[in-house]
């Protein structure tokens, strides 16, 4: 059974151009120190949500024409063995599906896209390739898999975006240069500022100032003209 750990019944932000809900799966193979969803890292199936009840909720919202999109996030959704079956049920209701992923399962990603079960992909670019293990709290075994997912998305099989949560302790100007070289040609790359909270795995992490975030963006624009800031307030700039 798919491990579902939460449901946000309405979002106008998570799925570009859609009125959507967000479904959270449990379990993740990464341990990023700046993770905001640390409560989802283990999969607690006993305390999770009943998939049939979630599907019933979606069917009810469909009949009332209240939603037109569903975001699947985590954790890492591609860890779920029954994800394809769950997405088929959602697609049969007529919903558009957005998948959030860390990119470490390129074959599963390809299979879902090629079956038409995913309409939009948001993939995290955690850092430059050389610093991936450090940034994800892993041994580095996933770096090649992530590179395969990047290559697949760059080929334009499905609408997508890349996104990077920027943390002062993990990201430098040189890291951004390397990331930009890596994903040149991307349709969209969003830089998101780190936000501290009680759920973050590691203590003592910090965000860059808005003007520093904009400086990073300006640095990478020649290589990635689509780069944008997300959730960064530049209104106080001189």
C-alpha atoms as a PDB file:
ATOM      1  CA  UNK A   1       0.000   0.000   0.000  1.00  0.00           C
ATOM      2  CA  UNK A   2       1.228   3.484  -0.825  1.00  0.00           C
ATOM      3  CA  UNK A   3       2.399   5.441   2.228  1.00  0.00           C
ATOM      4  CA  UNK A   4       0.468   8.730   2.433  1.00  0.00           C
ATOM      5  CA  UNK A   5       1.338  11.008   5.327  1.00  0.00           C
ATOM      6  CA  UNK A   6      -0.611  14.194   4.687  1.00  0.00           C
ATOM      7  CA  UNK A   7      -3.023  16.189   2.553  1.00  0.00           C
ATOM      8  CA  UNK A   8      -3.196  19.920   1.941  1.00  0.00           C
ATOM      9  CA  UNK A   9      -6.698  20.340   0.590  1.00  0.00           C
ATOM     10  CA  UNK A  10      -6.075  23.538  -1.361  1.00  0.00           C
ATOM     11  CA  UNK A  11      -3.044  25.290  -2.795  1.00  0.00           C
ATOM     12  CA  UNK A  12      -2.726  28.074  -5.345  1.00  0.00           C
ATOM     13  CA  UNK A  13       1.080  28.004  -5.233  1.00  0.00           C
ATOM     14  CA  UNK A  14       2.319  24.418  -5.566  1.00  0.00           C
ATOM     15  CA  UNK A  15       1.115  23.737  -9.117  1.00  0.00           C
ATOM     16  CA  UNK A  16       1.721  26.590 -11.582  1.00  0.00           C
ATOM     17  CA  UNK A  17      -1.546  27.722 -13.150  1.00  0.00           C
ATOM     18  CA  UNK A  18      -3.690  25.167 -11.297  1.00  0.00           C
ATOM     19  CA  UNK A  19      -6.044  25.129  -8.348  1.00  0.00           C
ATOM     20  CA  UNK A  20      -4.692  22.046  -6.660  1.00  0.00           C
ATOM     21  CA  UNK A  21      -4.284  19.971  -3.552  1.00  0.00           C
ATOM     22  CA  UNK A  22      -1.005  18.524  -2.307  1.00  0.00           C
ATOM     23  CA  UNK A  23      -0.559  14.924  -1.191  1.00  0.00           C
ATOM     24  CA  UNK A  24       2.486  14.043   0.926  1.00  0.00           C
ATOM     25  CA  UNK A  25       4.086  10.614   0.715  1.00  0.00           C
ATOM     26  CA  UNK A  26       6.271   9.230   3.481  1.00  0.00           C
ATOM     27  CA  UNK A  27       9.853   8.080   3.268  1.00  0.00           C
ATOM     28  CA  UNK A  28      12.943   9.589   1.654  1.00  0.00           C
ATOM     29  CA  UNK A  29      16.344   8.253   0.649  1.00  0.00           C
ATOM     30  CA  UNK A  30      18.013  11.643   1.221  1.00  0.00           C
ATOM     31  CA  UNK A  31      18.811  13.320   4.533  1.00  0.00           C
ATOM     32  CA  UNK A  32      19.341  16.919   3.482  1.00  0.00           C
ATOM     33  CA  UNK A  33      20.328  18.894   6.607  1.00  0.00           C
ATOM     34  CA  UNK A  34      18.010  21.757   5.584  1.00  0.00           C
ATOM     35  CA  UNK A  35      14.962  19.534   4.957  1.00  0.00           C
ATOM     36  CA  UNK A  36      11.680  21.168   5.996  1.00  0.00           C
ATOM     37  CA  UNK A  37       9.694  17.915   5.964  1.00  0.00           C
ATOM     38  CA  UNK A  38      11.745  15.869   8.416  1.00  0.00           C
ATOM     39  CA  UNK A  39       8.589  14.331   9.880  1.00  0.00           C
ATOM     40  CA  UNK A  40       8.034  12.631   6.508  1.00  0.00           C
ATOM     41  CA  UNK A  41      11.471  10.996   6.252  1.00  0.00           C
ATOM     42  CA  UNK A  42      10.364   7.701   7.808  1.00  0.00           C
ATOM     43  CA  UNK A  43       7.250   6.049   6.410  1.00  0.00           C
ATOM     44  CA  UNK A  44       4.720   5.447   9.204  1.00  0.00           C
ATOM     45  CA  UNK A  45       2.121   3.391   7.367  1.00  0.00           C
ATOM     46  CA  UNK A  46       0.182   2.625  10.544  1.00  0.00           C
ATOM     47  CA  UNK A  47      -0.412   6.301  11.216  1.00  0.00           C
ATOM     48  CA  UNK A  48      -0.784   7.304   7.594  1.00  0.00           C
ATOM     49  CA  UNK A  49      -3.786   8.202   5.508  1.00  0.00           C
ATOM     50  CA  UNK A  50      -5.998   5.659   3.797  1.00  0.00           C
ATOM     51  CA  UNK A  51      -5.408   5.938   0.021  1.00  0.00           C
ATOM     52  CA  UNK A  52      -9.057   5.080  -0.682  1.00  0.00           C
ATOM     53  CA  UNK A  53     -10.192   7.961   1.514  1.00  0.00           C
ATOM     54  CA  UNK A  54      -7.836  10.337  -0.295  1.00  0.00           C
ATOM     55  CA  UNK A  55      -9.184   9.179  -3.662  1.00  0.00           C
ATOM     56  CA  UNK A  56     -12.745   9.633  -2.376  1.00  0.00           C
ATOM     57  CA  UNK A  57     -11.853  13.196  -1.387  1.00  0.00           C
ATOM     58  CA  UNK A  58     -10.508  13.853  -4.884  1.00  0.00           C
ATOM     59  CA  UNK A  59     -13.623  12.401  -6.496  1.00  0.00           C
ATOM     60  CA  UNK A  60     -15.818  14.635  -4.349  1.00  0.00           C
ATOM     61  CA  UNK A  61     -13.795  17.723  -5.283  1.00  0.00           C
ATOM     62  CA  UNK A  62     -13.928  16.714  -8.954  1.00  0.00           C
ATOM     63  CA  UNK A  63     -17.719  16.529  -8.914  1.00  0.00           C
ATOM     64  CA  UNK A  64     -17.870  19.994  -7.371  1.00  0.00           C
ATOM     65  CA  UNK A  65     -15.284  21.363  -9.856  1.00  0.00           C
ATOM     66  CA  UNK A  66     -13.175  22.697  -6.992  1.00  0.00           C
ATOM     67  CA  UNK A  67      -9.778  21.352  -8.097  1.00  0.00           C
ATOM     68  CA  UNK A  68      -8.043  20.770 -11.400  1.00  0.00           C
ATOM     69  CA  UNK A  69      -4.615  19.597 -10.256  1.00  0.00           C
ATOM     70  CA  UNK A  70      -2.952  17.269  -7.751  1.00  0.00           C
ATOM     71  CA  UNK A  71       0.605  17.701  -6.457  1.00  0.00           C
ATOM     72  CA  UNK A  72       2.430  14.592  -5.270  1.00  0.00           C
ATOM     73  CA  UNK A  73       5.314  15.424  -2.954  1.00  0.00           C
ATOM     74  CA  UNK A  74       7.169  13.976   0.002  1.00  0.00           C
ATOM     75  CA  UNK A  75       9.484  12.692   1.180  1.00  0.00           C
ATOM     76  CA  UNK A  76      10.405  11.134  -2.123  1.00  0.00           C
ATOM     77  CA  UNK A  77       7.277   9.895  -3.951  1.00  0.00           C
ATOM     78  CA  UNK A  78       9.217   7.629  -6.316  1.00  0.00           C
ATOM     79  CA  UNK A  79      10.105   5.393  -3.364  1.00  0.00           C
ATOM     80  CA  UNK A  80       6.467   4.235  -3.355  1.00  0.00           C
ATOM     81  CA  UNK A  81       6.039   0.886  -5.113  1.00  0.00           C
ATOM     82  CA  UNK A  82       2.336   1.509  -5.770  1.00  0.00           C
ATOM     83  CA  UNK A  83       2.680   5.104  -6.941  1.00  0.00           C
ATOM     84  CA  UNK A  84       1.754   4.294 -10.558  1.00  0.00           C
ATOM     85  CA  UNK A  85      -1.527   2.641  -9.510  1.00  0.00           C
ATOM     86  CA  UNK A  86      -2.378   5.620  -7.324  1.00  0.00           C
ATOM     87  CA  UNK A  87      -1.629   8.077 -10.137  1.00  0.00           C
ATOM     88  CA  UNK A  88      -3.722   6.068 -12.601  1.00  0.00           C
ATOM     89  CA  UNK A  89      -6.714   6.451 -10.306  1.00  0.00           C
ATOM     90  CA  UNK A  90      -6.111  10.196 -10.077  1.00  0.00           C
ATOM     91  CA  UNK A  91      -5.657  10.599 -13.824  1.00  0.00           C
ATOM     92  CA  UNK A  92      -8.881   8.658 -14.488  1.00  0.00           C
ATOM     93  CA  UNK A  93     -10.705  11.441 -12.634  1.00  0.00           C
ATOM     94  CA  UNK A  94      -9.309  13.947 -15.120  1.00  0.00           C
ATOM     95  CA  UNK A  95      -6.807  15.677 -12.866  1.00  0.00           C
ATOM     96  CA  UNK A  96      -3.470  17.083 -13.973  1.00  0.00           C
ATOM     97  CA  UNK A  97      -0.644  15.651 -11.863  1.00  0.00           C
ATOM     98  CA  UNK A  98       2.516  17.408 -10.701  1.00  0.00           C
ATOM     99  CA  UNK A  99       5.308  15.278  -9.266  1.00  0.00           C
ATOM    100  CA  UNK A 100       7.994  16.571  -6.905  1.00  0.00           C
ATOM    101  CA  UNK A 101      11.154  14.459  -6.903  1.00  0.00           C
ATOM    102  CA  UNK A 102      14.805  14.532  -5.921  1.00  0.00           C
ATOM    103  CA  UNK A 103      15.641  12.825  -9.208  1.00  0.00           C
ATOM    104  CA  UNK A 104      17.299   9.739  -7.754  1.00  0.00           C
ATOM    105  CA  UNK A 105      15.059   7.255  -9.588  1.00  0.00           C
ATOM    106  CA  UNK A 106      15.343   8.155 -13.289  1.00  0.00           C
ATOM    107  CA  UNK A 107      13.798   4.940 -14.624  1.00  0.00           C
ATOM    108  CA  UNK A 108      10.709   5.280 -12.441  1.00  0.00           C
ATOM    109  CA  UNK A 109      10.408   8.908 -13.502  1.00  0.00           C
ATOM    110  CA  UNK A 110      10.645   7.970 -17.169  1.00  0.00           C
ATOM    111  CA  UNK A 111       8.066   5.198 -16.823  1.00  0.00           C
ATOM    112  CA  UNK A 112       5.508   7.495 -15.191  1.00  0.00           C
ATOM    113  CA  UNK A 113       6.025  10.228 -17.771  1.00  0.00           C
ATOM    114  CA  UNK A 114       5.864   7.858 -20.733  1.00  0.00           C
ATOM    115  CA  UNK A 115       2.650   6.296 -19.436  1.00  0.00           C
ATOM    116  CA  UNK A 116       1.121   9.765 -19.254  1.00  0.00           C
ATOM    117  CA  UNK A 117       0.688   9.694 -15.477  1.00  0.00           C
ATOM    118  CA  UNK A 118       2.611  12.912 -14.822  1.00  0.00           C
ATOM    119  CA  UNK A 119       1.921  16.286 -16.437  1.00  0.00           C
ATOM    120  CA  UNK A 120       4.551  18.421 -14.690  1.00  0.00           C
ATOM    121  CA  UNK A 121       7.757  17.614 -12.801  1.00  0.00           C
ATOM    122  CA  UNK A 122       9.496  19.734 -10.191  1.00  0.00           C
ATOM    123  CA  UNK A 123      12.969  18.349  -9.523  1.00  0.00           C
ATOM    124  CA  UNK A 124      15.338  19.517  -6.827  1.00  0.00           C
ATOM    125  CA  UNK A 125      18.871  20.437  -7.832  1.00  0.00           C
ATOM    126  CA  UNK A 126      20.511  20.186  -4.432  1.00  0.00           C
ATOM    127  CA  UNK A 127      23.957  21.494  -5.316  1.00  0.00           C
ATOM    128  CA  UNK A 128      26.854  21.178  -7.742  1.00  0.00           C
ATOM    129  CA  UNK A 129      27.624  17.532  -8.593  1.00  0.00           C
ATOM    130  CA  UNK A 130      30.815  17.502  -6.522  1.00  0.00           C
ATOM    131  CA  UNK A 131      28.906  18.492  -3.366  1.00  0.00           C
ATOM    132  CA  UNK A 132      25.830  16.311  -3.825  1.00  0.00           C
ATOM    133  CA  UNK A 133      26.671  13.715  -1.176  1.00  0.00           C
ATOM    134  CA  UNK A 134      27.460  16.392   1.393  1.00  0.00           C
ATOM    135  CA  UNK A 135      24.295  18.335   0.643  1.00  0.00           C
ATOM    136  CA  UNK A 136      21.956  15.342   0.608  1.00  0.00           C
ATOM    137  CA  UNK A 137      23.423  13.525   3.610  1.00  0.00           C
ATOM    138  CA  UNK A 138      24.132  10.437   1.490  1.00  0.00           C
ATOM    139  CA  UNK A 139      27.173   8.465   0.379  1.00  0.00           C
ATOM    140  CA  UNK A 140      27.056   9.809  -3.158  1.00  0.00           C
ATOM    141  CA  UNK A 141      25.536   6.689  -4.678  1.00  0.00           C
ATOM    142  CA  UNK A 142      22.698   8.710  -6.168  1.00  0.00           C
ATOM    143  CA  UNK A 143      24.726  11.314  -8.065  1.00  0.00           C
ATOM    144  CA  UNK A 144      24.755   9.403 -11.345  1.00  0.00           C
ATOM    145  CA  UNK A 145      21.032   8.705 -11.085  1.00  0.00           C
ATOM    146  CA  UNK A 146      20.302  12.389 -10.498  1.00  0.00           C
ATOM    147  CA  UNK A 147      22.371  13.280 -13.552  1.00  0.00           C
ATOM    148  CA  UNK A 148      20.286  10.849 -15.625  1.00  0.00           C
ATOM    149  CA  UNK A 149      17.062  12.506 -14.446  1.00  0.00           C
ATOM    150  CA  UNK A 150      18.421  15.942 -15.312  1.00  0.00           C
ATOM    151  CA  UNK A 151      19.351  14.749 -18.788  1.00  0.00           C
ATOM    152  CA  UNK A 152      15.924  13.186 -19.300  1.00  0.00           C
ATOM    153  CA  UNK A 153      14.038  16.329 -18.282  1.00  0.00           C
ATOM    154  CA  UNK A 154      16.261  18.553 -20.411  1.00  0.00           C
ATOM    155  CA  UNK A 155      15.152  16.513 -23.415  1.00  0.00           C
ATOM    156  CA  UNK A 156      11.657  17.978 -23.008  1.00  0.00           C
ATOM    157  CA  UNK A 157       9.570  14.849 -22.502  1.00  0.00           C
ATOM    158  CA  UNK A 158       7.322  16.652 -19.986  1.00  0.00           C
ATOM    159  CA  UNK A 159       6.920  20.224 -18.699  1.00  0.00           C
ATOM    160  CA  UNK A 160       9.240  20.669 -15.741  1.00  0.00           C
ATOM    161  CA  UNK A 161      11.168  22.975 -13.491  1.00  0.00           C
ATOM    162  CA  UNK A 162      14.372  22.688 -11.494  1.00  0.00           C
ATOM    163  CA  UNK A 163      14.570  24.283  -8.073  1.00  0.00           C
ATOM    164  CA  UNK A 164      17.296  24.821  -5.490  1.00  0.00           C
ATOM    165  CA  UNK A 165      16.895  25.657  -1.823  1.00  0.00           C
ATOM    166  CA  UNK A 166      19.783  28.009  -1.110  1.00  0.00           C
ATOM    167  CA  UNK A 167      21.578  27.670   2.236  1.00  0.00           C
ATOM    168  CA  UNK A 168      24.547  29.796   3.241  1.00  0.00           C
ATOM    169  CA  UNK A 169      26.429  26.842   4.724  1.00  0.00           C
ATOM    170  CA  UNK A 170      26.084  24.743   1.573  1.00  0.00           C
ATOM    171  CA  UNK A 171      26.062  27.030  -1.471  1.00  0.00           C
ATOM    172  CA  UNK A 172      28.724  29.336  -2.875  1.00  0.00           C
ATOM    173  CA  UNK A 173      29.051  31.381  -6.041  1.00  0.00           C
ATOM    174  CA  UNK A 174      31.217  28.623  -7.532  1.00  0.00           C
ATOM    175  CA  UNK A 175      28.529  26.037  -6.772  1.00  0.00           C
ATOM    176  CA  UNK A 176      25.993  28.114  -8.689  1.00  0.00           C
ATOM    177  CA  UNK A 177      28.343  28.396 -11.640  1.00  0.00           C
ATOM    178  CA  UNK A 178      28.722  24.620 -11.737  1.00  0.00           C
ATOM    179  CA  UNK A 179      24.993  24.027 -11.380  1.00  0.00           C
ATOM    180  CA  UNK A 180      24.278  26.488 -14.173  1.00  0.00           C
ATOM    181  CA  UNK A 181      26.735  24.713 -16.477  1.00  0.00           C
ATOM    182  CA  UNK A 182      25.113  21.396 -15.574  1.00  0.00           C
ATOM    183  CA  UNK A 183      21.515  22.381 -16.387  1.00  0.00           C
ATOM    184  CA  UNK A 184      22.073  24.825 -19.253  1.00  0.00           C
ATOM    185  CA  UNK A 185      19.059  24.893 -21.556  1.00  0.00           C
ATOM    186  CA  UNK A 186      16.534  24.336 -18.778  1.00  0.00           C
ATOM    187  CA  UNK A 187      13.026  25.728 -19.151  1.00  0.00           C
ATOM    188  CA  UNK A 188      12.938  26.970 -15.557  1.00  0.00           C
ATOM    189  CA  UNK A 189      15.246  27.131 -12.548  1.00  0.00           C
ATOM    190  CA  UNK A 190      13.977  28.610  -9.290  1.00  0.00           C
ATOM    191  CA  UNK A 191      16.228  29.655  -6.435  1.00  0.00           C
ATOM    192  CA  UNK A 192      14.398  29.404  -3.121  1.00  0.00           C
ATOM    193  CA  UNK A 193      15.694  30.872   0.116  1.00  0.00           C
ATOM    194  CA  UNK A 194      16.156  28.536   3.065  1.00  0.00           C
ATOM    195  CA  UNK A 195      13.653  29.050   5.883  1.00  0.00           C
ATOM    196  CA  UNK A 196      14.542  27.798   9.343  1.00  0.00           C
ATOM    197  CA  UNK A 197      11.969  25.979  11.486  1.00  0.00           C
ATOM    198  CA  UNK A 198      11.666  23.370  14.219  1.00  0.00           C
ATOM    199  CA  UNK A 199      11.292  20.677  11.528  1.00  0.00           C
ATOM    200  CA  UNK A 200      14.669  21.343   9.889  1.00  0.00           C
ATOM    201  CA  UNK A 201      17.040  18.402  10.418  1.00  0.00           C
ATOM    202  CA  UNK A 202      20.168  20.401  11.306  1.00  0.00           C
ATOM    203  CA  UNK A 203      20.541  23.385  13.585  1.00  0.00           C
ATOM    204  CA  UNK A 204      22.556  26.494  12.873  1.00  0.00           C
ATOM    205  CA  UNK A 205      21.775  26.905   9.166  1.00  0.00           C
ATOM    206  CA  UNK A 206      21.186  30.319   7.626  1.00  0.00           C
ATOM    207  CA  UNK A 207      19.616  31.965   4.597  1.00  0.00           C
ATOM    208  CA  UNK A 208      21.306  34.490   2.358  1.00  0.00           C
ATOM    209  CA  UNK A 209      19.983  38.042   2.270  1.00  0.00           C
ATOM    210  CA  UNK A 210      17.608  38.845  -0.616  1.00  0.00           C
ATOM    211  CA  UNK A 211      20.210  40.987  -2.387  1.00  0.00           C
ATOM    212  CA  UNK A 212      22.702  38.115  -2.172  1.00  0.00           C
ATOM    213  CA  UNK A 213      20.134  35.780  -3.712  1.00  0.00           C
ATOM    214  CA  UNK A 214      19.644  38.246  -6.551  1.00  0.00           C
ATOM    215  CA  UNK A 215      23.426  38.430  -7.025  1.00  0.00           C
ATOM    216  CA  UNK A 216      23.522  34.653  -7.474  1.00  0.00           C
ATOM    217  CA  UNK A 217      20.717  34.886 -10.005  1.00  0.00           C
ATOM    218  CA  UNK A 218      22.501  37.592 -11.967  1.00  0.00           C
ATOM    219  CA  UNK A 219      25.650  35.450 -11.988  1.00  0.00           C
ATOM    220  CA  UNK A 220      23.897  32.484 -13.612  1.00  0.00           C
ATOM    221  CA  UNK A 221      21.660  34.388 -16.042  1.00  0.00           C
ATOM    222  CA  UNK A 222      24.180  34.241 -18.930  1.00  0.00           C
ATOM    223  CA  UNK A 223      24.060  30.432 -18.754  1.00  0.00           C
ATOM    224  CA  UNK A 224      20.474  29.977 -17.542  1.00  0.00           C
ATOM    225  CA  UNK A 225      18.323  32.922 -18.705  1.00  0.00           C
ATOM    226  CA  UNK A 226      15.241  31.246 -17.177  1.00  0.00           C
ATOM    227  CA  UNK A 227      16.605  31.505 -13.621  1.00  0.00           C
ATOM    228  CA  UNK A 228      14.218  33.190 -11.191  1.00  0.00           C
ATOM    229  CA  UNK A 229      13.883  33.773  -7.468  1.00  0.00           C
ATOM    230  CA  UNK A 230      10.929  32.242  -5.658  1.00  0.00           C
ATOM    231  CA  UNK A 231       9.676  33.431  -2.298  1.00  0.00           C
ATOM    232  CA  UNK A 232      12.379  36.112  -2.023  1.00  0.00           C
ATOM    233  CA  UNK A 233      11.298  39.660  -1.187  1.00  0.00           C
ATOM    234  CA  UNK A 234      13.389  42.250  -3.019  1.00  0.00           C
ATOM    235  CA  UNK A 235      11.054  45.152  -2.246  1.00  0.00           C
ATOM    236  CA  UNK A 236      13.518  46.661   0.207  1.00  0.00           C
ATOM    237  CA  UNK A 237      16.321  46.939  -2.321  1.00  0.00           C
ATOM    238  CA  UNK A 238      17.753  50.413  -2.950  1.00  0.00           C
END
